Amino acid sequence: MQLDLNLLTALDALLEEGSVAGAAARLHVTAPAMSRSLGRIRAATGDQILVRTGRHMTPTPRALAMRTEVHTLVQQAHHLLSARTELDLAALERVFTVRWHDAVATACGTALISAVHRQAPGVQLRLTAEPGDDTPQLRRGEVDLASSAGPPSLPDIRHRLVGSDRLVLAVRPGHPLTERPVTAERYAAAEHVTVSRRGGLRDRIDDALAAQGHERRVIASAPTTATALQLARDAGLVVTLPDAATRSSRDRLGLTTLPLPLDLPDVPLHLLWHQRHDNDPAHTWLRDTATRILRSLFTPPAPPGA
């Protein structure tokens, strides 16, 4: 049996107002239109709903029995279909999957989890590693929020520039590069490890060195920043990576930081999400919370036109 669910709204108004005229005024329709709705409600329910007693209308026993439930259903429908609902963080229960670069997760993961749990104790965060390919997990709904060094290529993926980070070198104490100022020539001649989840042995640094007539000695690649930093300490290799994102990890390992002897732009950091979450209050809260935490560590983007 197919019913016009608008009849629920009409029934709610009729039971609340107790008259056709009152219900019509409440819903901004004519009295004849409301009378027709009452007729359809009677046909659907098999009950008179409202019966005339003198100059007034009285609800039937069935109408009285269903009044509370009808009102609740109408309120739930309005809440469900409203353009934007009020977010109750204390009552929010949800699982968010956040896919960040491992260095970003190490630097800011604790602060994000703490902030989320403090405001919304019913929310769970799933921090995942970056995939080894460009599978659009955001589009498939497998990831809610991701990080990237560049804007997305897919038109339905939104992004926000959070900030940027300068590149530095990390070496173990006593490394030959620490003995005197680092030049491009001395830097290229050292033994390097790259950070690449795909095992790449070359990146934009090699292009910048080649433009100056130098070739870097890359002897290994590491899948994560943590592994590369460990190799820098234990194997005496040089690793080039973003400064702010790896500062705490470098300090824990006792590594020495040196400036990069190349004129390269800072590494941008973007947050990515699918457009389906644009008007999702809970997701908006999550990405705003993540943005605030990340911007406390990274250099904020320059204002438009600066």
C-alpha atoms as a PDB file:
ATOM      1  CA  MET A   1       0.000   0.000   0.000  1.00  0.00           C
ATOM      2  CA  GLN A   2       1.521   3.316  -1.074  1.00  0.00           C
ATOM      3  CA  LEU A   3       0.839   6.302   1.155  1.00  0.00           C
ATOM      4  CA  ASP A   4       1.659   9.969   0.765  1.00  0.00           C
ATOM      5  CA  LEU A   5       3.897  10.601   3.745  1.00  0.00           C
ATOM      6  CA  ASN A   6       2.791  14.242   3.685  1.00  0.00           C
ATOM      7  CA  LEU A   7      -0.343  12.908   5.332  1.00  0.00           C
ATOM      8  CA  LEU A   8       1.703  12.380   8.500  1.00  0.00           C
ATOM      9  CA  THR A   9       2.400  16.110   8.664  1.00  0.00           C
ATOM     10  CA  ALA A  10      -1.288  16.862   8.097  1.00  0.00           C
ATOM     11  CA  LEU A  11      -2.326  14.299  10.705  1.00  0.00           C
ATOM     12  CA  ASP A  12       0.121  15.764  13.220  1.00  0.00           C
ATOM     13  CA  ALA A  13      -1.286  19.249  12.668  1.00  0.00           C
ATOM     14  CA  LEU A  14      -4.903  18.022  12.920  1.00  0.00           C
ATOM     15  CA  LEU A  15      -4.226  16.219  16.186  1.00  0.00           C
ATOM     16  CA  GLU A  16      -2.317  19.156  17.632  1.00  0.00           C
ATOM     17  CA  GLU A  17      -4.847  21.827  16.588  1.00  0.00           C
ATOM     18  CA  GLY A  18      -8.023  19.765  16.957  1.00  0.00           C
ATOM     19  CA  SER A  19      -9.669  21.437  13.960  1.00  0.00           C
ATOM     20  CA  VAL A  20      -9.420  21.594  10.192  1.00  0.00           C
ATOM     21  CA  ALA A  21      -9.163  25.378  10.170  1.00  0.00           C
ATOM     22  CA  GLY A  22      -6.400  25.419  12.790  1.00  0.00           C
ATOM     23  CA  ALA A  23      -4.396  22.720  11.020  1.00  0.00           C
ATOM     24  CA  ALA A  24      -4.792  24.539   7.680  1.00  0.00           C
ATOM     25  CA  ALA A  25      -3.496  27.793   9.162  1.00  0.00           C
ATOM     26  CA  ARG A  26      -0.581  25.995  10.775  1.00  0.00           C
ATOM     27  CA  LEU A  27       0.525  24.395   7.507  1.00  0.00           C
ATOM     28  CA  HIS A  28      -0.317  27.442   5.359  1.00  0.00           C
ATOM     29  CA  VAL A  29      -2.868  25.623   3.189  1.00  0.00           C
ATOM     30  CA  THR A  30      -6.548  26.265   2.548  1.00  0.00           C
ATOM     31  CA  ALA A  31      -9.267  24.733   4.717  1.00  0.00           C
ATOM     32  CA  PRO A  32     -10.708  22.753   1.761  1.00  0.00           C
ATOM     33  CA  ALA A  33      -7.241  21.295   1.079  1.00  0.00           C
ATOM     34  CA  MET A  34      -6.928  20.245   4.719  1.00  0.00           C
ATOM     35  CA  SER A  35     -10.412  18.721   4.607  1.00  0.00           C
ATOM     36  CA  ARG A  36      -9.348  16.629   1.628  1.00  0.00           C
ATOM     37  CA  SER A  37      -6.241  15.509   3.550  1.00  0.00           C
ATOM     38  CA  LEU A  38      -8.420  14.499   6.493  1.00  0.00           C
ATOM     39  CA  GLY A  39     -10.572  12.467   4.115  1.00  0.00           C
ATOM     40  CA  ARG A  40      -7.524  10.648   2.784  1.00  0.00           C
ATOM     41  CA  ILE A  41      -6.272  10.017   6.327  1.00  0.00           C
ATOM     42  CA  ARG A  42      -9.647   8.523   7.256  1.00  0.00           C
ATOM     43  CA  ALA A  43      -9.530   6.276   4.210  1.00  0.00           C
ATOM     44  CA  ALA A  44      -5.984   5.146   4.968  1.00  0.00           C
ATOM     45  CA  THR A  45      -6.546   4.463   8.669  1.00  0.00           C
ATOM     46  CA  GLY A  46     -10.136   3.262   8.578  1.00  0.00           C
ATOM     47  CA  ASP A  47     -10.884   5.652  11.448  1.00  0.00           C
ATOM     48  CA  GLN A  48     -12.696   9.006  11.652  1.00  0.00           C
ATOM     49  CA  ILE A  49      -9.713  10.561  13.531  1.00  0.00           C
ATOM     50  CA  LEU A  50     -11.704  13.717  14.348  1.00  0.00           C
ATOM     51  CA  VAL A  51     -15.472  13.732  14.897  1.00  0.00           C
ATOM     52  CA  ARG A  52     -17.698  16.759  15.300  1.00  0.00           C
ATOM     53  CA  THR A  53     -19.233  17.321  18.737  1.00  0.00           C
ATOM     54  CA  GLY A  54     -21.291  20.491  18.604  1.00  0.00           C
ATOM     55  CA  ARG A  55     -19.111  23.345  17.384  1.00  0.00           C
ATOM     56  CA  HIS A  56     -15.840  21.475  18.033  1.00  0.00           C
ATOM     57  CA  MET A  57     -14.060  18.383  16.776  1.00  0.00           C
ATOM     58  CA  THR A  58     -12.979  15.624  19.149  1.00  0.00           C
ATOM     59  CA  PRO A  59     -10.230  13.068  18.465  1.00  0.00           C
ATOM     60  CA  THR A  60     -11.252   9.440  18.426  1.00  0.00           C
ATOM     61  CA  PRO A  61      -9.663   6.942  20.845  1.00  0.00           C
ATOM     62  CA  ARG A  62      -7.376   5.718  18.072  1.00  0.00           C
ATOM     63  CA  ALA A  63      -6.320   9.280  17.261  1.00  0.00           C
ATOM     64  CA  LEU A  64      -5.475   9.877  20.926  1.00  0.00           C
ATOM     65  CA  ALA A  65      -3.484   6.638  21.021  1.00  0.00           C
ATOM     66  CA  MET A  66      -1.390   7.547  17.983  1.00  0.00           C
ATOM     67  CA  ARG A  67      -0.925  11.293  18.649  1.00  0.00           C
ATOM     68  CA  THR A  68       2.425  11.016  20.452  1.00  0.00           C
ATOM     69  CA  GLU A  69       3.866   8.544  17.961  1.00  0.00           C
ATOM     70  CA  VAL A  70       2.752  10.616  14.969  1.00  0.00           C
ATOM     71  CA  HIS A  71       4.332  13.750  16.400  1.00  0.00           C
ATOM     72  CA  THR A  72       7.579  11.876  17.057  1.00  0.00           C
ATOM     73  CA  LEU A  73       7.676  10.506  13.506  1.00  0.00           C
ATOM     74  CA  VAL A  74       7.150  13.952  12.004  1.00  0.00           C
ATOM     75  CA  GLN A  75       9.894  15.469  14.147  1.00  0.00           C
ATOM     76  CA  GLN A  76      12.290  12.675  13.210  1.00  0.00           C
ATOM     77  CA  ALA A  77      11.531  13.179   9.526  1.00  0.00           C
ATOM     78  CA  HIS A  78      12.201  16.917   9.765  1.00  0.00           C
ATOM     79  CA  HIS A  79      15.451  16.212  11.596  1.00  0.00           C
ATOM     80  CA  LEU A  80      16.508  13.620   9.039  1.00  0.00           C
ATOM     81  CA  LEU A  81      15.730  15.740   5.987  1.00  0.00           C
ATOM     82  CA  SER A  82      16.765  19.160   7.259  1.00  0.00           C
ATOM     83  CA  ALA A  83      19.539  20.862   5.313  1.00  0.00           C
ATOM     84  CA  ARG A  84      21.772  21.029   8.362  1.00  0.00           C
ATOM     85  CA  THR A  85      21.186  19.513  11.773  1.00  0.00           C
ATOM     86  CA  GLU A  86      22.575  20.675  15.078  1.00  0.00           C
ATOM     87  CA  LEU A  87      25.630  18.625  15.996  1.00  0.00           C
ATOM     88  CA  ASP A  88      25.669  17.104  19.479  1.00  0.00           C
ATOM     89  CA  LEU A  89      29.288  16.036  19.955  1.00  0.00           C
ATOM     90  CA  ALA A  90      28.634  14.506  23.360  1.00  0.00           C
ATOM     91  CA  ALA A  91      26.109  12.113  21.807  1.00  0.00           C
ATOM     92  CA  LEU A  92      27.909  11.528  18.496  1.00  0.00           C
ATOM     93  CA  GLU A  93      28.818   7.903  17.791  1.00  0.00           C
ATOM     94  CA  ARG A  94      30.775   7.373  14.592  1.00  0.00           C
ATOM     95  CA  VAL A  95      33.946   5.837  13.164  1.00  0.00           C
ATOM     96  CA  PHE A  96      36.151   8.062  10.987  1.00  0.00           C
ATOM     97  CA  THR A  97      38.982   6.705   8.852  1.00  0.00           C
ATOM     98  CA  VAL A  98      41.883   9.154   8.503  1.00  0.00           C
ATOM     99  CA  ARG A  99      44.631   8.388   5.987  1.00  0.00           C
ATOM    100  CA  TRP A 100      47.618  10.651   6.615  1.00  0.00           C
ATOM    101  CA  HIS A 101      51.250  10.500   5.564  1.00  0.00           C
ATOM    102  CA  ASP A 102      53.086   8.557   8.251  1.00  0.00           C
ATOM    103  CA  ALA A 103      55.175  11.587   9.256  1.00  0.00           C
ATOM    104  CA  VAL A 104      52.036  13.712   9.666  1.00  0.00           C
ATOM    105  CA  ALA A 105      50.308  10.962  11.651  1.00  0.00           C
ATOM    106  CA  THR A 106      53.344  10.644  13.923  1.00  0.00           C
ATOM    107  CA  ALA A 107      53.584  14.390  14.461  1.00  0.00           C
ATOM    108  CA  CYS A 108      49.879  15.163  14.925  1.00  0.00           C
ATOM    109  CA  GLY A 109      48.042  11.880  15.456  1.00  0.00           C
ATOM    110  CA  THR A 110      48.164  12.041  19.245  1.00  0.00           C
ATOM    111  CA  ALA A 111      46.845  15.606  19.327  1.00  0.00           C
ATOM    112  CA  LEU A 112      44.021  14.733  16.908  1.00  0.00           C
ATOM    113  CA  ILE A 113      42.937  11.648  18.861  1.00  0.00           C
ATOM    114  CA  SER A 114      43.057  13.560  22.152  1.00  0.00           C
ATOM    115  CA  ALA A 115      41.019  16.487  20.807  1.00  0.00           C
ATOM    116  CA  VAL A 116      38.410  14.235  19.218  1.00  0.00           C
ATOM    117  CA  HIS A 117      38.036  12.043  22.302  1.00  0.00           C
ATOM    118  CA  ARG A 118      37.766  15.061  24.587  1.00  0.00           C
ATOM    119  CA  GLN A 119      34.953  16.647  22.575  1.00  0.00           C
ATOM    120  CA  ALA A 120      33.207  13.519  21.273  1.00  0.00           C
ATOM    121  CA  PRO A 121      33.998  10.484  23.447  1.00  0.00           C
ATOM    122  CA  GLY A 122      31.743   8.272  21.309  1.00  0.00           C
ATOM    123  CA  VAL A 123      33.815   8.834  18.162  1.00  0.00           C
ATOM    124  CA  GLN A 124      36.464   6.329  17.083  1.00  0.00           C
ATOM    125  CA  LEU A 125      39.369   7.219  14.792  1.00  0.00           C
ATOM    126  CA  ARG A 126      40.975   4.720  12.464  1.00  0.00           C
ATOM    127  CA  LEU A 127      44.427   5.967  11.354  1.00  0.00           C
ATOM    128  CA  THR A 128      45.566   4.103   8.246  1.00  0.00           C
ATOM    129  CA  ALA A 129      48.746   4.092   6.192  1.00  0.00           C
ATOM    130  CA  GLU A 130      48.859   5.581   2.731  1.00  0.00           C
ATOM    131  CA  PRO A 131      48.184   2.990   0.011  1.00  0.00           C
ATOM    132  CA  GLY A 132      50.814   1.882  -2.455  1.00  0.00           C
ATOM    133  CA  ASP A 133      48.724   3.120  -5.370  1.00  0.00           C
ATOM    134  CA  ASP A 134      46.312   5.916  -6.225  1.00  0.00           C
ATOM    135  CA  THR A 135      43.113   3.970  -5.523  1.00  0.00           C
ATOM    136  CA  PRO A 136      40.365   6.583  -4.916  1.00  0.00           C
ATOM    137  CA  GLN A 137      39.444   5.396  -1.425  1.00  0.00           C
ATOM    138  CA  LEU A 138      37.858   8.765  -0.681  1.00  0.00           C
ATOM    139  CA  ARG A 139      35.456   8.319  -3.580  1.00  0.00           C
ATOM    140  CA  ARG A 140      34.527   4.797  -2.460  1.00  0.00           C
ATOM    141  CA  GLY A 141      33.878   5.944   1.105  1.00  0.00           C
ATOM    142  CA  GLU A 142      36.696   3.848   2.589  1.00  0.00           C
ATOM    143  CA  VAL A 143      38.537   6.953   3.830  1.00  0.00           C
ATOM    144  CA  ASP A 144      36.938  10.063   5.348  1.00  0.00           C
ATOM    145  CA  LEU A 145      39.931  12.411   5.486  1.00  0.00           C
ATOM    146  CA  ALA A 146      43.328  12.187   3.792  1.00  0.00           C
ATOM    147  CA  SER A 147      46.526  14.202   3.499  1.00  0.00           C
ATOM    148  CA  SER A 148      48.403  15.009   0.319  1.00  0.00           C
ATOM    149  CA  ALA A 149      51.287  17.135  -0.900  1.00  0.00           C
ATOM    150  CA  GLY A 150      49.151  18.342  -3.798  1.00  0.00           C
ATOM    151  CA  PRO A 151      45.541  19.080  -4.722  1.00  0.00           C
ATOM    152  CA  PRO A 152      43.422  16.157  -5.953  1.00  0.00           C
ATOM    153  CA  SER A 153      43.013  15.236  -9.597  1.00  0.00           C
ATOM    154  CA  LEU A 154      39.456  13.898  -9.214  1.00  0.00           C
ATOM    155  CA  PRO A 155      36.765  16.586  -9.616  1.00  0.00           C
ATOM    156  CA  ASP A 156      34.607  15.258  -6.770  1.00  0.00           C
ATOM    157  CA  ILE A 157      37.407  15.378  -4.177  1.00  0.00           C
ATOM    158  CA  ARG A 158      37.532  18.565  -2.110  1.00  0.00           C
ATOM    159  CA  HIS A 159      40.754  19.912  -0.619  1.00  0.00           C
ATOM    160  CA  ARG A 160      41.994  22.510   1.826  1.00  0.00           C
ATOM    161  CA  LEU A 161      45.551  23.880   1.919  1.00  0.00           C
ATOM    162  CA  VAL A 162      46.554  23.556   5.568  1.00  0.00           C
ATOM    163  CA  GLY A 163      50.128  24.867   5.412  1.00  0.00           C
ATOM    164  CA  SER A 164      53.607  24.046   4.227  1.00  0.00           C
ATOM    165  CA  ASP A 165      56.865  22.633   5.531  1.00  0.00           C
ATOM    166  CA  ARG A 166      60.479  23.298   4.551  1.00  0.00           C
ATOM    167  CA  LEU A 167      62.899  20.519   3.640  1.00  0.00           C
ATOM    168  CA  VAL A 168      65.918  19.746   5.840  1.00  0.00           C
ATOM    169  CA  LEU A 169      68.575  17.050   6.130  1.00  0.00           C
ATOM    170  CA  ALA A 170      68.804  14.566   8.986  1.00  0.00           C
ATOM    171  CA  VAL A 171      72.077  12.796   9.779  1.00  0.00           C
ATOM    172  CA  ARG A 172      73.528  11.058  12.789  1.00  0.00           C
ATOM    173  CA  PRO A 173      75.888  13.003  15.070  1.00  0.00           C
ATOM    174  CA  GLY A 174      79.440  13.065  13.748  1.00  0.00           C
ATOM    175  CA  HIS A 175      78.399  12.563  10.120  1.00  0.00           C
ATOM    176  CA  PRO A 176      80.942  14.100   7.686  1.00  0.00           C
ATOM    177  CA  LEU A 177      78.344  16.666   6.538  1.00  0.00           C
ATOM    178  CA  THR A 178      78.328  18.160  10.043  1.00  0.00           C
ATOM    179  CA  GLU A 179      82.031  19.054   9.901  1.00  0.00           C
ATOM    180  CA  ARG A 180      81.654  22.138   7.692  1.00  0.00           C
ATOM    181  CA  PRO A 181      78.925  24.008   5.764  1.00  0.00           C
ATOM    182  CA  VAL A 182      76.911  21.793   3.427  1.00  0.00           C
ATOM    183  CA  THR A 183      77.287  22.581  -0.262  1.00  0.00           C
ATOM    184  CA  ALA A 184      75.330  21.033  -3.120  1.00  0.00           C
ATOM    185  CA  GLU A 185      78.450  19.140  -4.174  1.00  0.00           C
ATOM    186  CA  ARG A 186      79.128  17.659  -0.717  1.00  0.00           C
ATOM    187  CA  TYR A 187      75.433  16.908  -0.263  1.00  0.00           C
ATOM    188  CA  ALA A 188      75.224  15.015  -3.581  1.00  0.00           C
ATOM    189  CA  ALA A 189      78.371  12.994  -2.809  1.00  0.00           C
ATOM    190  CA  ALA A 190      76.972  11.643   0.493  1.00  0.00           C
ATOM    191  CA  GLU A 191      75.066   8.355   0.702  1.00  0.00           C
ATOM    192  CA  HIS A 192      71.303   8.931   0.738  1.00  0.00           C
ATOM    193  CA  VAL A 193      68.054   7.124   1.538  1.00  0.00           C
ATOM    194  CA  THR A 194      64.784   8.237  -0.039  1.00  0.00           C
ATOM    195  CA  VAL A 195      61.300   7.949   1.454  1.00  0.00           C
ATOM    196  CA  SER A 196      58.905   6.325  -1.005  1.00  0.00           C
ATOM    197  CA  ARG A 197      56.010   3.970  -0.367  1.00  0.00           C
ATOM    198  CA  ARG A 198      56.548   2.674  -3.919  1.00  0.00           C
ATOM    199  CA  GLY A 199      60.292   2.187  -3.552  1.00  0.00           C
ATOM    200  CA  GLY A 200      61.300   5.141  -5.714  1.00  0.00           C
ATOM    201  CA  LEU A 201      65.014   5.988  -5.769  1.00  0.00           C
ATOM    202  CA  ARG A 202      64.600   9.395  -7.388  1.00  0.00           C
ATOM    203  CA  ASP A 203      62.534  12.503  -6.633  1.00  0.00           C
ATOM    204  CA  ARG A 204      62.479  16.244  -7.305  1.00  0.00           C
ATOM    205  CA  ILE A 205      65.698  16.735  -5.318  1.00  0.00           C
ATOM    206  CA  ASP A 206      67.592  14.766  -7.962  1.00  0.00           C
ATOM    207  CA  ASP A 207      66.153  17.021 -10.667  1.00  0.00           C
ATOM    208  CA  ALA A 208      67.316  20.124  -8.773  1.00  0.00           C
ATOM    209  CA  LEU A 209      70.799  18.659  -8.335  1.00  0.00           C
ATOM    210  CA  ALA A 210      70.995  17.647 -12.005  1.00  0.00           C
ATOM    211  CA  ALA A 211      70.227  21.247 -12.979  1.00  0.00           C
ATOM    212  CA  GLN A 212      73.417  22.208 -11.123  1.00  0.00           C
ATOM    213  CA  GLY A 213      75.454  19.383 -12.649  1.00  0.00           C
ATOM    214  CA  HIS A 214      75.372  17.026  -9.650  1.00  0.00           C
ATOM    215  CA  GLU A 215      74.082  13.485  -9.172  1.00  0.00           C
ATOM    216  CA  ARG A 216      72.986  12.214  -5.784  1.00  0.00           C
ATOM    217  CA  ARG A 217      74.233   8.855  -4.436  1.00  0.00           C
ATOM    218  CA  VAL A 218      71.010   7.123  -3.421  1.00  0.00           C
ATOM    219  CA  ILE A 219      71.753   3.654  -2.035  1.00  0.00           C
ATOM    220  CA  ALA A 220      68.350   2.744  -0.551  1.00  0.00           C
ATOM    221  CA  SER A 221      64.696   3.670  -0.303  1.00  0.00           C
ATOM    222  CA  ALA A 222      62.467   3.292   2.743  1.00  0.00           C
ATOM    223  CA  PRO A 223      58.670   2.908   2.766  1.00  0.00           C
ATOM    224  CA  THR A 224      58.124   5.205   5.759  1.00  0.00           C
ATOM    225  CA  THR A 225      59.730   8.227   7.338  1.00  0.00           C
ATOM    226  CA  ALA A 226      60.339   6.295  10.551  1.00  0.00           C
ATOM    227  CA  THR A 227      62.336   3.637   8.684  1.00  0.00           C
ATOM    228  CA  ALA A 228      64.362   6.258   6.808  1.00  0.00           C
ATOM    229  CA  LEU A 229      65.244   8.068  10.031  1.00  0.00           C
ATOM    230  CA  GLN A 230      66.303   4.768  11.591  1.00  0.00           C
ATOM    231  CA  LEU A 231      68.590   4.136   8.616  1.00  0.00           C
ATOM    232  CA  ALA A 232      70.019   7.627   8.943  1.00  0.00           C
ATOM    233  CA  ARG A 233      70.995   6.878  12.521  1.00  0.00           C
ATOM    234  CA  ASP A 234      72.116   3.259  12.188  1.00  0.00           C
ATOM    235  CA  ALA A 235      73.603   3.213   8.693  1.00  0.00           C
ATOM    236  CA  GLY A 236      74.923   6.762   8.502  1.00  0.00           C
ATOM    237  CA  LEU A 237      72.749   7.703   5.549  1.00  0.00           C
ATOM    238  CA  VAL A 238      71.384  11.153   4.712  1.00  0.00           C
ATOM    239  CA  VAL A 239      67.622  11.592   4.566  1.00  0.00           C
ATOM    240  CA  THR A 240      65.898  14.714   3.241  1.00  0.00           C
ATOM    241  CA  LEU A 241      62.438  15.333   4.614  1.00  0.00           C
ATOM    242  CA  PRO A 242      59.969  17.977   5.846  1.00  0.00           C
ATOM    243  CA  ASP A 243      61.157  19.748   8.979  1.00  0.00           C
ATOM    244  CA  ALA A 244      58.082  20.256  11.205  1.00  0.00           C
ATOM    245  CA  ALA A 245      56.515  16.887  10.420  1.00  0.00           C
ATOM    246  CA  THR A 246      59.633  14.974  11.496  1.00  0.00           C
ATOM    247  CA  ARG A 247      61.090  17.198  14.236  1.00  0.00           C
ATOM    248  CA  SER A 248      59.883  15.131  17.182  1.00  0.00           C
ATOM    249  CA  SER A 249      60.998  11.876  15.531  1.00  0.00           C
ATOM    250  CA  ARG A 250      64.464  13.304  14.797  1.00  0.00           C
ATOM    251  CA  ASP A 251      64.813  14.513  18.356  1.00  0.00           C
ATOM    252  CA  ARG A 252      63.875  11.107  19.786  1.00  0.00           C
ATOM    253  CA  LEU A 253      66.583   9.449  17.684  1.00  0.00           C
ATOM    254  CA  GLY A 254      69.160  12.112  18.502  1.00  0.00           C
ATOM    255  CA  LEU A 255      69.709  13.060  14.862  1.00  0.00           C
ATOM    256  CA  THR A 256      71.328  16.268  13.711  1.00  0.00           C
ATOM    257  CA  THR A 257      69.435  18.644  11.416  1.00  0.00           C
ATOM    258  CA  LEU A 258      71.166  20.514   8.616  1.00  0.00           C
ATOM    259  CA  PRO A 259      69.861  22.979   6.001  1.00  0.00           C
ATOM    260  CA  LEU A 260      69.196  21.788   2.471  1.00  0.00           C
ATOM    261  CA  PRO A 261      71.750  23.392   0.106  1.00  0.00           C
ATOM    262  CA  LEU A 262      69.175  23.785  -2.654  1.00  0.00           C
ATOM    263  CA  ASP A 263      66.609  26.452  -3.390  1.00  0.00           C
ATOM    264  CA  LEU A 264      63.424  24.387  -3.370  1.00  0.00           C
ATOM    265  CA  PRO A 265      59.895  25.508  -2.477  1.00  0.00           C
ATOM    266  CA  ASP A 266      58.329  24.310   0.755  1.00  0.00           C
ATOM    267  CA  VAL A 267      56.238  21.140   0.721  1.00  0.00           C
ATOM    268  CA  PRO A 268      52.495  21.948   0.844  1.00  0.00           C
ATOM    269  CA  LEU A 269      50.052  19.944   2.952  1.00  0.00           C
ATOM    270  CA  HIS A 270      46.445  19.496   1.816  1.00  0.00           C
ATOM    271  CA  LEU A 271      43.509  17.837   3.519  1.00  0.00           C
ATOM    272  CA  LEU A 272      41.267  15.876   1.137  1.00  0.00           C
ATOM    273  CA  TRP A 273      37.684  14.624   1.444  1.00  0.00           C
ATOM    274  CA  HIS A 274      34.840  13.588  -0.854  1.00  0.00           C
ATOM    275  CA  GLN A 275      32.190  16.136  -1.773  1.00  0.00           C
ATOM    276  CA  ARG A 276      29.471  13.980  -0.170  1.00  0.00           C
ATOM    277  CA  HIS A 277      30.747  15.270   3.195  1.00  0.00           C
ATOM    278  CA  ASP A 278      30.539  18.985   2.339  1.00  0.00           C
ATOM    279  CA  ASN A 279      27.363  19.511   4.383  1.00  0.00           C
ATOM    280  CA  ASP A 280      27.944  16.771   6.954  1.00  0.00           C
ATOM    281  CA  PRO A 281      28.196  18.574  10.346  1.00  0.00           C
ATOM    282  CA  ALA A 282      30.203  15.763  11.973  1.00  0.00           C
ATOM    283  CA  HIS A 283      32.694  15.625   9.111  1.00  0.00           C
ATOM    284  CA  THR A 284      32.955  19.428   9.069  1.00  0.00           C
ATOM    285  CA  TRP A 285      33.826  19.322  12.759  1.00  0.00           C
ATOM    286  CA  LEU A 286      36.454  16.619  12.151  1.00  0.00           C
ATOM    287  CA  ARG A 287      38.223  18.438   9.326  1.00  0.00           C
ATOM    288  CA  ASP A 288      38.105  21.758  11.188  1.00  0.00           C
ATOM    289  CA  THR A 289      39.609  20.073  14.251  1.00  0.00           C
ATOM    290  CA  ALA A 290      42.304  18.456  12.097  1.00  0.00           C
ATOM    291  CA  THR A 291      43.053  21.769  10.376  1.00  0.00           C
ATOM    292  CA  ARG A 292      43.473  23.564  13.686  1.00  0.00           C
ATOM    293  CA  ILE A 293      45.881  20.912  14.983  1.00  0.00           C
ATOM    294  CA  LEU A 294      47.936  20.769  11.788  1.00  0.00           C
ATOM    295  CA  ARG A 295      48.212  24.547  11.531  1.00  0.00           C
ATOM    296  CA  SER A 296      49.677  24.677  15.034  1.00  0.00           C
ATOM    297  CA  LEU A 297      52.686  22.797  13.612  1.00  0.00           C
ATOM    298  CA  PHE A 298      52.985  23.800   9.955  1.00  0.00           C
ATOM    299  CA  THR A 299      53.503  27.206   8.390  1.00  0.00           C
ATOM    300  CA  PRO A 300      50.011  28.517   7.535  1.00  0.00           C
ATOM    301  CA  PRO A 301      49.214  29.350   3.912  1.00  0.00           C
ATOM    302  CA  ALA A 302      49.700  32.908   2.747  1.00  0.00           C
ATOM    303  CA  PRO A 303      46.507  34.973   2.513  1.00  0.00           C
ATOM    304  CA  PRO A 304      45.001  35.312  -0.988  1.00  0.00           C
ATOM    305  CA  GLY A 305      46.789  37.966  -3.001  1.00  0.00           C
ATOM    306  CA  ALA A 306      49.824  38.034  -0.682  1.00  0.00           C
END
